[in-house]
Amino acid sequence: MARLASLLSFSVTILIFLHGSTAQQFSNECQLDQLNALEPSHVLKAEAGRIEVWDHHAPQLRCSGVSFVRYIIESQGLYLPSFLNTAKLSFVAKGQGLMGRVIPGCAETFQDSSVFQQGSPFGEGQGQQGQGQGQGQGQQGQHQGQHGQGQGFRDMHQKVEHIRSGDTIATHPGVAQWFYNNGNQPLVIVAVMDLASHQNQLDRNPRPFYLAGNNPQGQSWLHGRGQQPQNNILNGFSPEVLAQAFKIDVRTAQQLQNQQDNRGNIVRVQGPFGVIRPPLRSQRPQEEEGNGVEETICSARCTENLDDPSNADVYKPQLGYISTLNSYDLPILRVLRLSALRGSIRQNAMVLPQWNANANAVLYVTDGEAHIQVVNDNGERVFDGQVSQGQLLAIPQGFSVVKRATSDQFRWIEFKTNANAQINTLAGRTSVMTALPLEVIANGYQISLEEARRVKFNTIGTTLTHSSGPASYGRPRKADA
């Protein structure tokens, strides 16, 4: 009994210590008395573009548990494959291009048709790969050497998708991803990384792992790393080990390490970019039947376009539209526990005051300008100012926010840290005020029943309204007497 009591006492002590250290680390992260419209703090330049990183140590991002990045890829620029320690939700803010993902254990379902001519045994290798990836890949390598050259074999790889402005892309942690700009204008992609996710087993820092290329400027946003260059993960192995693993010569293995390559992580493609791709966005190549895993994980839809007003959840021609994306629309978000909202409103249109009931939100302005006010749990206005294209504003859970467009058109994307984020509105037909009895409103605010009736019923919209009216919106607060 004494031994059991000692064990229990030790366990309780450990739990108290862990709880105390966790509480000390995160207890004050969301005690925010001021929010700011944020700009990128680090710029990583490359041969064919740049990567702009926001400081995830900023109080409002630390409270939200996320980091934010913007990729700007020039025409014919290729963002080399990398993976992250966190779930990522991306939005194509401008341009068009191609995207590929490498999901562990999945088959290369995009194949050159000449592979299967003249009774090539590639079909067997592909079928067996569904049952055992290692065995299938070994047979593929053997078949490629024996038959590829004679039959005009080009390539086989995992899915490649066309992407365009308005696409929202969900990516699992550990899944390598690459982008290519096949258009004439820059391809701009913004992305949020959920550092507080249960899937992130490291610390609360974004950690890109590069399969190719390098980052000569280093991960300067990580404390202690400074300007230490970041190399791709193959650089850490000896060339001899790589030569044995890939069955190549040592000189080629050294090339894979990119040691003398200063192009960065976005490189320019010289000549045609000959990957296997579907001819049209709506057409997808037929995939081989597998063991059922491919049908749920490997071919799971990860992209949804939010720039089509015909699919909007809220639409008023004179005011604008709002589209939401959650796990009911894109089931992969159920695993990532992220969602998104796309908004576009005209000048003087207002998004009625609201708060996120179960999620933090990160708002990124893609076009135009707006005046935004945010109020915290202490009833204090923690943000009251203008936001413009390229700026970021984090809005913690429960903080109330109102937006009013001050340019011809204001467009933004919001990333939320819940697969099915819910909002509650303060005003409007489905708001909390409309749901309260008149007597509660009258007594709570010391107003007459007639005034309470106007508060409750004057705004008939649910989400969008005109900002015209007798309000002193945007005026500075008067000093207390």
Protein backbone atom coordinates (compact mmCIF):
# COMPACT_ATOMS: atom_id res chain seq x y z
CA MET A 1 0.00 0.00 0.00
CA ALA A 2 2.84 2.37 0.86
CA ARG A 3 4.38 1.78 -2.57
CA LEU A 4 1.03 2.45 -4.28
CA ALA A 5 0.55 5.63 -2.27
CA SER A 6 4.03 6.84 -3.25
CA LEU A 7 3.32 6.09 -6.91
CA LEU A 8 0.03 7.99 -6.80
CA SER A 9 1.68 10.91 -5.05
CA PHE A 10 4.43 11.03 -7.68
CA SER A 11 1.87 10.90 -10.53
CA VAL A 12 -0.17 13.75 -9.04
CA THR A 13 3.00 15.82 -8.62
CA ILE A 14 3.92 15.31 -12.29
CA LEU A 15 0.41 16.26 -13.44
CA ILE A 16 0.44 19.42 -11.33
CA PHE A 17 3.86 20.35 -12.70
CA LEU A 18 2.81 19.81 -16.31
CA HIS A 19 -0.44 21.70 -15.84
CA GLY A 20 1.38 24.56 -14.17
CA SER A 21 4.03 24.83 -16.86
CA THR A 22 1.38 24.69 -19.63
CA ALA A 23 -0.75 27.30 -17.90
CA GLN A 24 2.32 29.52 -17.44
CA GLN A 25 3.21 29.16 -21.10
CA PHE A 26 -0.23 29.85 -22.61
CA SER A 27 -2.28 31.58 -19.88
CA ASN A 28 -1.72 35.17 -21.07
CA GLU A 29 -1.51 34.63 -24.81
CA CYS A 30 -5.04 35.87 -25.49
CA GLN A 31 -5.20 38.79 -23.07
CA LEU A 32 -5.11 41.24 -25.94
CA ASP A 33 -5.87 44.94 -25.46
CA GLN A 34 -4.83 45.89 -28.99
CA LEU A 35 -4.82 44.25 -32.43
CA ASN A 36 -2.82 45.41 -35.44
CA ALA A 37 -3.06 44.98 -39.20
CA LEU A 38 0.04 42.89 -39.84
CA GLU A 39 2.56 42.95 -42.70
CA PRO A 40 5.14 40.26 -43.55
CA SER A 41 8.19 40.32 -41.29
CA HIS A 42 10.52 38.10 -43.38
CA VAL A 43 11.05 37.86 -47.13
CA LEU A 44 12.85 34.86 -48.64
CA LYS A 45 13.98 35.71 -52.18
CA ALA A 46 14.42 33.03 -54.82
CA GLU A 47 15.26 32.84 -58.53
CA ALA A 48 11.63 32.95 -59.71
CA GLY A 49 9.71 34.49 -56.85
CA ARG A 50 9.70 35.05 -53.13
CA ILE A 51 8.18 33.73 -49.92
CA GLU A 52 6.82 36.28 -47.43
CA VAL A 53 6.42 35.14 -43.83
CA TRP A 54 4.45 36.81 -41.05
CA ASP A 55 5.87 36.80 -37.52
CA HIS A 56 3.97 34.00 -35.77
CA HIS A 57 5.27 35.32 -32.44
CA ALA A 58 3.02 38.39 -32.83
CA PRO A 59 0.56 38.31 -29.89
CA GLN A 60 -2.61 38.00 -31.99
CA LEU A 61 -1.18 35.14 -34.11
CA ARG A 62 0.21 33.42 -31.03
CA CYS A 63 -3.24 33.63 -29.44
CA SER A 64 -4.81 32.13 -32.58
CA GLY A 65 -2.17 29.37 -32.69
CA VAL A 66 -1.42 29.88 -36.38
CA SER A 67 1.28 31.14 -38.73
CA PHE A 68 0.79 32.79 -42.12
CA VAL A 69 2.78 32.85 -45.35
CA ARG A 70 2.45 34.25 -48.87
CA TYR A 71 4.03 32.61 -51.94
CA ILE A 72 4.62 34.81 -55.00
CA ILE A 73 5.64 32.63 -57.95
CA GLU A 74 6.63 34.31 -61.21
CA SER A 75 5.68 33.03 -64.66
CA GLN A 76 7.37 29.65 -65.30
CA GLY A 77 8.34 29.54 -61.66
CA LEU A 78 8.31 26.19 -59.83
CA TYR A 79 7.90 26.07 -56.06
CA LEU A 80 9.89 22.96 -55.21
CA PRO A 81 8.26 20.16 -53.19
CA SER A 82 8.22 20.54 -49.41
CA PHE A 83 6.09 19.40 -46.49
CA LEU A 84 5.14 20.89 -43.14
CA ASN A 85 4.68 19.74 -39.57
CA THR A 86 1.19 21.26 -39.52
CA ALA A 87 -2.08 21.16 -41.41
CA LYS A 88 -2.25 23.91 -44.05
CA LEU A 89 -5.15 25.67 -45.75
CA SER A 90 -4.16 27.73 -48.81
CA PHE A 91 -5.99 30.22 -51.01
CA VAL A 92 -5.06 31.22 -54.56
CA ALA A 93 -5.35 35.00 -54.41
CA LYS A 94 -4.20 35.65 -57.98
CA GLY A 95 -3.13 33.81 -61.11
CA GLN A 96 -3.28 30.22 -62.28
CA GLY A 97 -1.02 27.19 -62.37
CA LEU A 98 -0.51 23.54 -61.53
CA MET A 99 -0.32 21.82 -58.16
CA GLY A 100 0.89 18.39 -57.17
CA ARG A 101 0.79 16.53 -53.86
CA VAL A 102 2.65 13.40 -52.82
CA ILE A 103 0.53 11.38 -50.37
CA PRO A 104 2.46 8.58 -48.64
CA GLY A 105 1.45 5.10 -49.74
CA CYS A 106 -0.63 6.20 -52.73
CA ALA A 107 -0.21 4.99 -56.31
CA GLU A 108 1.02 7.05 -59.26
CA THR A 109 -2.33 7.31 -61.02
CA PHE A 110 -1.23 9.84 -63.65
CA GLN A 111 0.50 7.73 -66.30
CA ASP A 112 1.69 8.09 -69.85
CA SER A 113 -0.60 5.93 -72.02
CA SER A 114 2.37 4.42 -73.88
CA VAL A 115 3.36 2.61 -70.68
CA PHE A 116 0.57 0.08 -71.16
CA GLN A 117 1.20 -0.68 -74.84
CA GLN A 118 2.51 -4.01 -76.16
CA GLY A 119 1.56 -5.95 -73.04
CA SER A 120 3.87 -4.01 -70.75
CA PRO A 121 3.99 -5.55 -67.26
CA PHE A 122 3.63 -2.08 -65.70
CA GLY A 123 0.01 -2.92 -65.07
CA GLU A 124 1.05 -5.72 -62.73
CA GLY A 125 3.49 -3.50 -60.91
CA GLN A 126 0.83 -0.84 -60.47
CA GLY A 127 -1.75 -3.32 -59.20
CA GLN A 128 0.66 -4.86 -56.73
CA GLN A 129 1.64 -1.45 -55.48
CA GLY A 130 -1.83 -1.03 -54.04
CA GLN A 131 -1.19 -4.12 -51.95
CA GLY A 132 2.39 -3.39 -51.00
CA GLN A 133 3.99 -0.08 -51.91
CA GLY A 134 7.59 -1.17 -51.51
CA GLN A 135 7.18 -4.30 -53.64
CA GLY A 136 5.23 -2.40 -56.31
CA GLN A 137 7.82 0.35 -56.56
CA GLY A 138 10.63 -2.19 -56.84
CA GLN A 139 8.90 -3.90 -59.75
CA GLN A 140 8.22 -0.54 -61.37
CA GLY A 141 11.91 0.36 -61.24
CA GLN A 142 12.81 -3.00 -62.80
CA HIS A 143 10.18 -2.66 -65.52
CA GLN A 144 11.25 0.88 -66.28
CA GLY A 145 14.81 -0.25 -66.93
CA GLN A 146 13.73 -3.20 -69.11
CA HIS A 147 10.82 -1.78 -71.04
CA GLY A 148 10.64 2.01 -70.55
CA GLN A 149 13.07 3.09 -73.24
CA GLY A 150 11.79 0.68 -75.89
CA GLN A 151 8.16 1.71 -75.43
CA GLY A 152 8.69 5.49 -75.18
CA PHE A 153 8.05 5.57 -71.44
CA ARG A 154 7.88 9.15 -70.14
CA ASP A 155 6.67 9.27 -66.55
CA MET A 156 4.11 8.24 -63.97
CA HIS A 157 3.31 10.28 -60.88
CA GLN A 158 0.60 11.20 -58.41
CA LYS A 159 -2.25 13.57 -59.23
CA VAL A 160 -1.59 16.97 -60.79
CA GLU A 161 -4.37 19.57 -60.60
CA HIS A 162 -5.07 22.86 -62.33
CA ILE A 163 -5.50 25.72 -59.85
CA ARG A 164 -6.84 29.22 -60.40
CA SER A 165 -7.80 32.34 -58.49
CA GLY A 166 -10.37 31.55 -55.79
CA ASP A 167 -9.26 27.97 -55.14
CA THR A 168 -8.95 26.90 -51.51
CA ILE A 169 -6.55 23.98 -51.00
CA ALA A 170 -6.37 21.71 -47.94
CA THR A 171 -3.11 19.88 -47.19
CA HIS A 172 -2.30 17.29 -44.52
CA PRO A 173 0.89 17.60 -42.45
CA GLY A 174 3.72 15.55 -43.92
CA VAL A 175 2.28 15.68 -47.46
CA ALA A 176 4.80 17.09 -49.95
CA GLN A 177 3.37 19.76 -52.25
CA TRP A 178 4.64 21.73 -55.25
CA PHE A 179 3.26 24.55 -57.43
CA TYR A 180 4.03 25.70 -60.96
CA ASN A 181 2.96 28.98 -62.58
CA ASN A 182 1.96 28.29 -66.20
CA GLY A 183 0.30 31.69 -66.63
CA ASN A 184 1.59 35.11 -67.66
CA GLN A 185 1.05 36.89 -64.34
CA PRO A 186 2.39 36.09 -60.86
CA LEU A 187 0.76 33.22 -59.01
CA VAL A 188 -0.02 34.45 -55.49
CA ILE A 189 -0.96 31.88 -52.84
CA VAL A 190 -1.59 32.68 -49.17
CA ALA A 191 -1.71 29.95 -46.55
CA VAL A 192 -2.41 29.50 -42.86
CA MET A 193 -0.66 26.81 -40.80
CA ASP A 194 -2.41 25.50 -37.70
CA LEU A 195 0.44 25.35 -35.18
CA ALA A 196 -1.89 24.47 -32.30
CA SER A 197 -3.31 21.45 -34.13
CA HIS A 198 -3.25 18.03 -32.48
CA GLN A 199 -1.45 16.85 -35.62
CA ASN A 200 1.58 19.03 -34.90
CA GLN A 201 3.78 16.93 -32.62
CA LEU A 202 6.62 19.50 -32.55
CA ASP A 203 6.69 22.98 -31.02
CA ARG A 204 4.56 25.94 -32.04
CA ASN A 205 6.80 26.90 -34.94
CA PRO A 206 6.21 26.43 -38.68
CA ARG A 207 8.86 24.04 -39.97
CA PRO A 208 9.05 23.49 -43.74
CA PHE A 209 10.98 20.40 -44.79
CA TYR A 210 12.40 20.81 -48.30
CA LEU A 211 12.75 17.80 -50.59
CA ALA A 212 14.62 19.89 -53.19
CA GLY A 213 16.22 23.31 -53.34
CA ASN A 214 17.43 25.26 -50.35
CA ASN A 215 16.89 28.45 -48.39
CA PRO A 216 20.16 30.42 -48.19
CA GLN A 217 18.57 33.00 -45.86
CA GLY A 218 17.60 30.36 -43.31
CA GLN A 219 14.58 30.11 -41.03
CA SER A 220 15.12 33.49 -39.42
CA TRP A 221 11.67 33.35 -37.81
CA LEU A 222 12.88 30.53 -35.53
CA HIS A 223 14.67 31.67 -32.39
CA GLY A 224 18.26 30.44 -32.31
CA ARG A 225 18.47 29.68 -36.04
CA GLY A 226 19.50 33.19 -37.12
CA GLN A 227 20.86 33.34 -40.66
CA GLN A 228 21.87 29.67 -40.74
CA PRO A 229 21.12 28.40 -44.30
CA GLN A 230 18.44 25.75 -44.60
CA ASN A 231 19.24 22.86 -46.92
CA ASN A 232 16.97 20.17 -48.29
CA ILE A 233 16.67 16.99 -46.25
CA LEU A 234 18.75 14.95 -48.72
CA ASN A 235 21.71 17.18 -47.88
CA GLY A 236 21.92 15.61 -44.44
CA PHE A 237 22.69 12.13 -45.79
CA SER A 238 26.06 11.13 -47.12
CA PRO A 239 26.27 10.90 -50.93
CA GLU A 240 27.23 7.23 -50.66
CA VAL A 241 24.05 6.40 -48.73
CA LEU A 242 21.93 8.26 -51.31
CA ALA A 243 23.70 6.44 -54.14
CA GLN A 244 22.90 3.09 -52.54
CA ALA A 245 19.28 4.02 -51.80
CA PHE A 246 18.46 5.39 -55.27
CA LYS A 247 20.77 3.02 -57.17
CA ILE A 248 22.61 5.93 -58.80
CA ASP A 249 26.21 7.07 -58.98
CA VAL A 250 27.72 9.29 -56.29
CA ARG A 251 27.98 12.34 -58.56
CA THR A 252 24.23 12.30 -59.22
CA ALA A 253 23.62 11.79 -55.51
CA GLN A 254 25.60 14.97 -54.80
CA GLN A 255 23.41 16.84 -57.30
CA LEU A 256 20.34 15.83 -55.28
CA GLN A 257 21.78 17.68 -52.29
CA ASN A 258 21.71 21.09 -54.09
CA GLN A 259 24.89 22.11 -52.29
CA GLN A 260 26.07 24.45 -55.05
CA ASP A 261 22.56 25.62 -55.94
CA ASN A 262 21.69 29.19 -54.93
CA ARG A 263 18.34 29.46 -56.70
CA GLY A 264 16.29 29.08 -53.50
CA ASN A 265 12.98 27.24 -53.25
CA ILE A 266 11.30 28.82 -56.30
CA VAL A 267 13.22 28.07 -59.50
CA ARG A 268 12.63 29.02 -63.10
CA VAL A 269 11.78 26.21 -65.52
CA GLN A 270 13.69 26.37 -68.78
CA GLY A 271 11.62 25.12 -71.70
CA PRO A 272 8.32 23.16 -71.58
CA PHE A 273 7.06 21.80 -68.27
CA GLY A 274 6.07 18.31 -69.38
CA VAL A 275 4.10 16.82 -66.51
CA ILE A 276 1.07 14.60 -67.13
CA ARG A 277 -2.02 16.69 -66.49
CA PRO A 278 -5.74 16.59 -67.26
CA PRO A 279 -6.67 18.65 -70.37
CA LEU A 280 -9.54 20.46 -68.67
CA ARG A 281 -10.29 21.32 -65.08
CA SER A 282 -13.60 19.44 -65.11
CA GLN A 283 -12.11 16.30 -66.66
CA ARG A 284 -10.19 13.86 -64.49
CA PRO A 285 -8.27 10.82 -65.74
CA GLN A 286 -9.68 7.43 -64.93
CA GLU A 287 -7.88 5.82 -62.01
CA GLU A 288 -7.14 2.15 -61.56
CA GLU A 289 -9.25 0.26 -59.08
CA GLY A 290 -7.39 -0.19 -55.80
CA ASN A 291 -7.84 -1.72 -52.40
CA GLY A 292 -10.20 0.94 -51.09
CA VAL A 293 -7.53 3.06 -49.42
CA GLU A 294 -6.85 4.95 -52.64
CA GLU A 295 -10.54 5.75 -52.91
CA THR A 296 -10.66 7.50 -49.55
CA ILE A 297 -7.22 8.96 -48.85
CA CYS A 298 -5.34 9.08 -52.13
CA SER A 299 -8.11 10.52 -54.28
CA ALA A 300 -9.82 12.63 -51.63
CA ARG A 301 -10.86 16.01 -52.99
CA CYS A 302 -8.72 18.78 -51.51
CA THR A 303 -9.69 21.84 -53.61
CA GLU A 304 -12.79 24.02 -53.75
CA ASN A 305 -13.28 27.34 -55.56
CA LEU A 306 -14.88 30.17 -53.57
CA ASP A 307 -14.91 32.92 -56.21
CA ASP A 308 -18.13 31.88 -57.97
CA PRO A 309 -21.04 34.05 -56.73
CA SER A 310 -23.53 31.47 -58.01
CA ASN A 311 -22.38 29.17 -55.19
CA ALA A 312 -22.49 31.86 -52.50
CA ASP A 313 -24.18 31.28 -49.15
CA VAL A 314 -25.20 34.95 -48.87
CA TYR A 315 -25.79 37.00 -52.02
CA LYS A 316 -27.18 40.51 -52.51
CA PRO A 317 -26.42 42.09 -55.91
CA GLN A 318 -26.28 45.63 -54.49
CA LEU A 319 -24.09 44.65 -51.53
CA GLY A 320 -21.95 41.60 -52.33
CA TYR A 321 -21.66 37.95 -51.38
CA ILE A 322 -20.16 35.61 -48.79
CA SER A 323 -19.18 31.98 -49.38
CA THR A 324 -18.18 29.53 -46.66
CA LEU A 325 -16.18 26.33 -46.88
CA ASN A 326 -16.39 23.70 -44.14
CA SER A 327 -16.18 19.94 -43.72
CA TYR A 328 -19.65 19.44 -45.18
CA ASP A 329 -18.39 20.93 -48.47
CA LEU A 330 -14.86 19.51 -48.32
CA PRO A 331 -14.71 16.41 -46.06
CA ILE A 332 -10.91 16.53 -45.73
CA LEU A 333 -11.37 19.59 -43.50
CA ARG A 334 -12.90 17.33 -40.85
CA VAL A 335 -9.44 15.85 -40.31
CA LEU A 336 -7.54 19.13 -40.59
CA ARG A 337 -10.05 20.96 -38.35
CA LEU A 338 -9.90 24.08 -40.50
CA SER A 339 -12.42 26.02 -42.59
CA ALA A 340 -12.61 29.20 -44.68
CA LEU A 341 -14.85 32.12 -45.60
CA ARG A 342 -14.63 34.23 -48.75
CA GLY A 343 -16.22 37.68 -48.78
CA SER A 344 -16.74 40.36 -51.42
CA ILE A 345 -18.71 43.54 -50.66
CA ARG A 346 -19.27 46.85 -52.43
CA GLN A 347 -18.53 50.32 -51.11
CA ASN A 348 -20.53 51.26 -47.99
CA ALA A 349 -21.80 47.72 -47.58
CA MET A 350 -21.44 46.37 -44.06
CA VAL A 351 -20.99 42.90 -42.63
CA LEU A 352 -23.19 42.98 -39.54
CA PRO A 353 -21.41 42.73 -36.15
CA GLN A 354 -20.66 39.09 -35.35
CA TRP A 355 -18.33 36.79 -33.45
CA ASN A 356 -16.89 33.34 -34.03
CA ALA A 357 -18.42 30.99 -31.49
CA ASN A 358 -15.92 28.14 -31.75
CA ALA A 359 -12.88 29.28 -33.75
CA ASN A 360 -10.13 31.82 -34.13
CA ALA A 361 -10.07 33.62 -37.48
CA VAL A 362 -7.29 35.07 -39.61
CA LEU A 363 -8.49 37.66 -42.13
CA TYR A 364 -6.36 38.43 -45.20
CA VAL A 365 -7.30 41.27 -47.57
CA THR A 366 -7.04 40.26 -51.23
CA ASP A 367 -8.50 43.43 -52.80
CA GLY A 368 -9.63 46.89 -51.75
CA GLU A 369 -9.98 48.54 -48.35
CA ALA A 370 -12.33 48.42 -45.40
CA HIS A 371 -12.82 49.92 -41.97
CA ILE A 372 -12.92 47.28 -39.27
CA GLN A 373 -13.70 47.41 -35.57
CA VAL A 374 -12.98 44.56 -33.15
CA VAL A 375 -14.17 44.37 -29.52
CA ASN A 376 -12.70 42.02 -26.88
CA ASP A 377 -14.24 40.26 -23.87
CA ASN A 378 -13.68 43.36 -21.72
CA GLY A 379 -15.88 45.45 -23.97
CA GLU A 380 -12.87 47.36 -25.29
CA ARG A 381 -12.33 48.30 -28.92
CA VAL A 382 -9.01 46.60 -29.61
CA PHE A 383 -8.93 47.47 -33.31
CA ASP A 384 -10.48 50.46 -35.05
CA GLY A 385 -8.85 51.19 -38.36
CA GLN A 386 -8.38 50.70 -42.05
CA VAL A 387 -7.13 47.47 -43.63
CA SER A 388 -5.92 47.24 -47.22
CA GLN A 389 -4.72 44.70 -49.78
CA GLY A 390 -2.01 42.38 -48.48
CA GLN A 391 -2.64 43.04 -44.79
CA LEU A 392 -3.55 40.46 -42.16
CA LEU A 393 -5.76 40.71 -39.08
CA ALA A 394 -6.23 37.92 -36.53
CA ILE A 395 -9.58 37.85 -34.70
CA PRO A 396 -9.64 35.61 -31.62
CA GLN A 397 -12.61 33.44 -30.69
CA GLY A 398 -15.50 35.42 -29.22
CA PHE A 399 -14.14 38.84 -30.24
CA SER A 400 -16.89 40.76 -32.04
CA VAL A 401 -16.07 42.31 -35.42
CA VAL A 402 -17.80 44.58 -37.93
CA LYS A 403 -16.55 45.37 -41.46
CA ARG A 404 -17.48 48.25 -43.78
CA ALA A 405 -16.09 48.57 -47.31
CA THR A 406 -14.47 51.96 -48.01
CA SER A 407 -13.32 51.22 -51.58
CA ASP A 408 -15.32 50.29 -54.66
CA GLN A 409 -14.94 46.64 -53.72
CA PHE A 410 -13.51 44.94 -50.64
CA ARG A 411 -12.57 41.26 -50.89
CA TRP A 412 -11.04 39.06 -48.24
CA ILE A 413 -10.41 35.45 -47.20
CA GLU A 414 -10.79 34.21 -43.63
CA PHE A 415 -9.18 31.03 -42.36
CA LYS A 416 -10.77 29.55 -39.23
CA THR A 417 -9.44 27.01 -36.73
CA ASN A 418 -12.50 24.77 -36.72
CA ALA A 419 -13.80 22.41 -39.41
CA ASN A 420 -17.30 23.84 -38.92
CA ALA A 421 -16.85 27.34 -37.58
CA GLN A 422 -20.02 28.98 -36.33
CA ILE A 423 -20.81 32.69 -36.15
CA ASN A 424 -23.33 34.58 -34.05
CA THR A 425 -24.54 37.99 -35.19
CA LEU A 426 -25.41 40.92 -32.92
CA ALA A 427 -27.84 42.59 -35.32
CA GLY A 428 -30.13 41.32 -38.04
CA ARG A 429 -32.97 38.88 -38.54
CA THR A 430 -31.18 35.82 -37.14
CA SER A 431 -29.13 37.66 -34.50
CA VAL A 432 -28.92 37.22 -30.77
CA MET A 433 -30.96 40.42 -30.34
CA THR A 434 -33.80 39.07 -32.46
CA ALA A 435 -33.81 35.90 -30.39
CA LEU A 436 -34.18 37.78 -27.08
CA PRO A 437 -37.60 38.77 -25.65
CA LEU A 438 -38.45 42.47 -25.83
CA GLU A 439 -38.65 42.64 -22.02
CA VAL A 440 -35.11 41.38 -21.66
CA ILE A 441 -33.81 43.98 -24.14
CA ALA A 442 -35.79 46.82 -22.55
CA ASN A 443 -34.68 46.02 -19.00
CA GLY A 444 -31.13 45.14 -19.95
CA TYR A 445 -30.45 48.46 -21.70
CA GLN A 446 -32.97 50.64 -19.81
CA ILE A 447 -34.89 51.57 -22.93
CA SER A 448 -38.60 51.61 -23.73
CA LEU A 449 -40.39 48.69 -25.34
CA GLU A 450 -40.76 50.72 -28.52
CA GLU A 451 -37.01 51.37 -28.65
CA ALA A 452 -36.39 47.69 -27.92
CA ARG A 453 -38.68 46.80 -30.81
CA ARG A 454 -36.64 48.99 -33.18
CA VAL A 455 -33.39 47.44 -31.92
CA LYS A 456 -34.82 44.01 -32.53
CA PHE A 457 -36.61 44.41 -35.86
CA ASN A 458 -35.20 47.40 -37.80
CA THR A 459 -32.41 45.43 -39.52
CA ILE A 460 -34.02 42.76 -41.68
CA GLY A 461 -30.83 41.37 -43.26
CA THR A 462 -29.03 38.37 -41.83
CA THR A 463 -25.39 39.11 -42.73
CA LEU A 464 -25.04 42.09 -45.10
CA THR A 465 -26.59 45.55 -44.93
CA HIS A 466 -26.04 49.13 -46.09
CA SER A 467 -23.91 51.16 -43.71
CA SER A 468 -26.02 54.30 -44.24
CA GLY A 469 -27.92 55.51 -41.21
CA PRO A 470 -27.61 57.70 -38.12
CA ALA A 471 -24.57 55.82 -36.79
CA SER A 472 -21.27 57.53 -35.98
CA TYR A 473 -19.38 54.59 -37.43
CA GLY A 474 -15.64 55.02 -37.50
CA ARG A 475 -15.56 58.17 -35.36
CA PRO A 476 -13.06 58.28 -32.50
CA ARG A 477 -14.31 57.47 -29.04
CA LYS A 478 -15.06 60.37 -26.72
CA ALA A 479 -12.95 60.64 -23.59
CA ASP A 480 -14.67 59.65 -20.38
CA ALA A 481 -15.95 62.62 -18.41
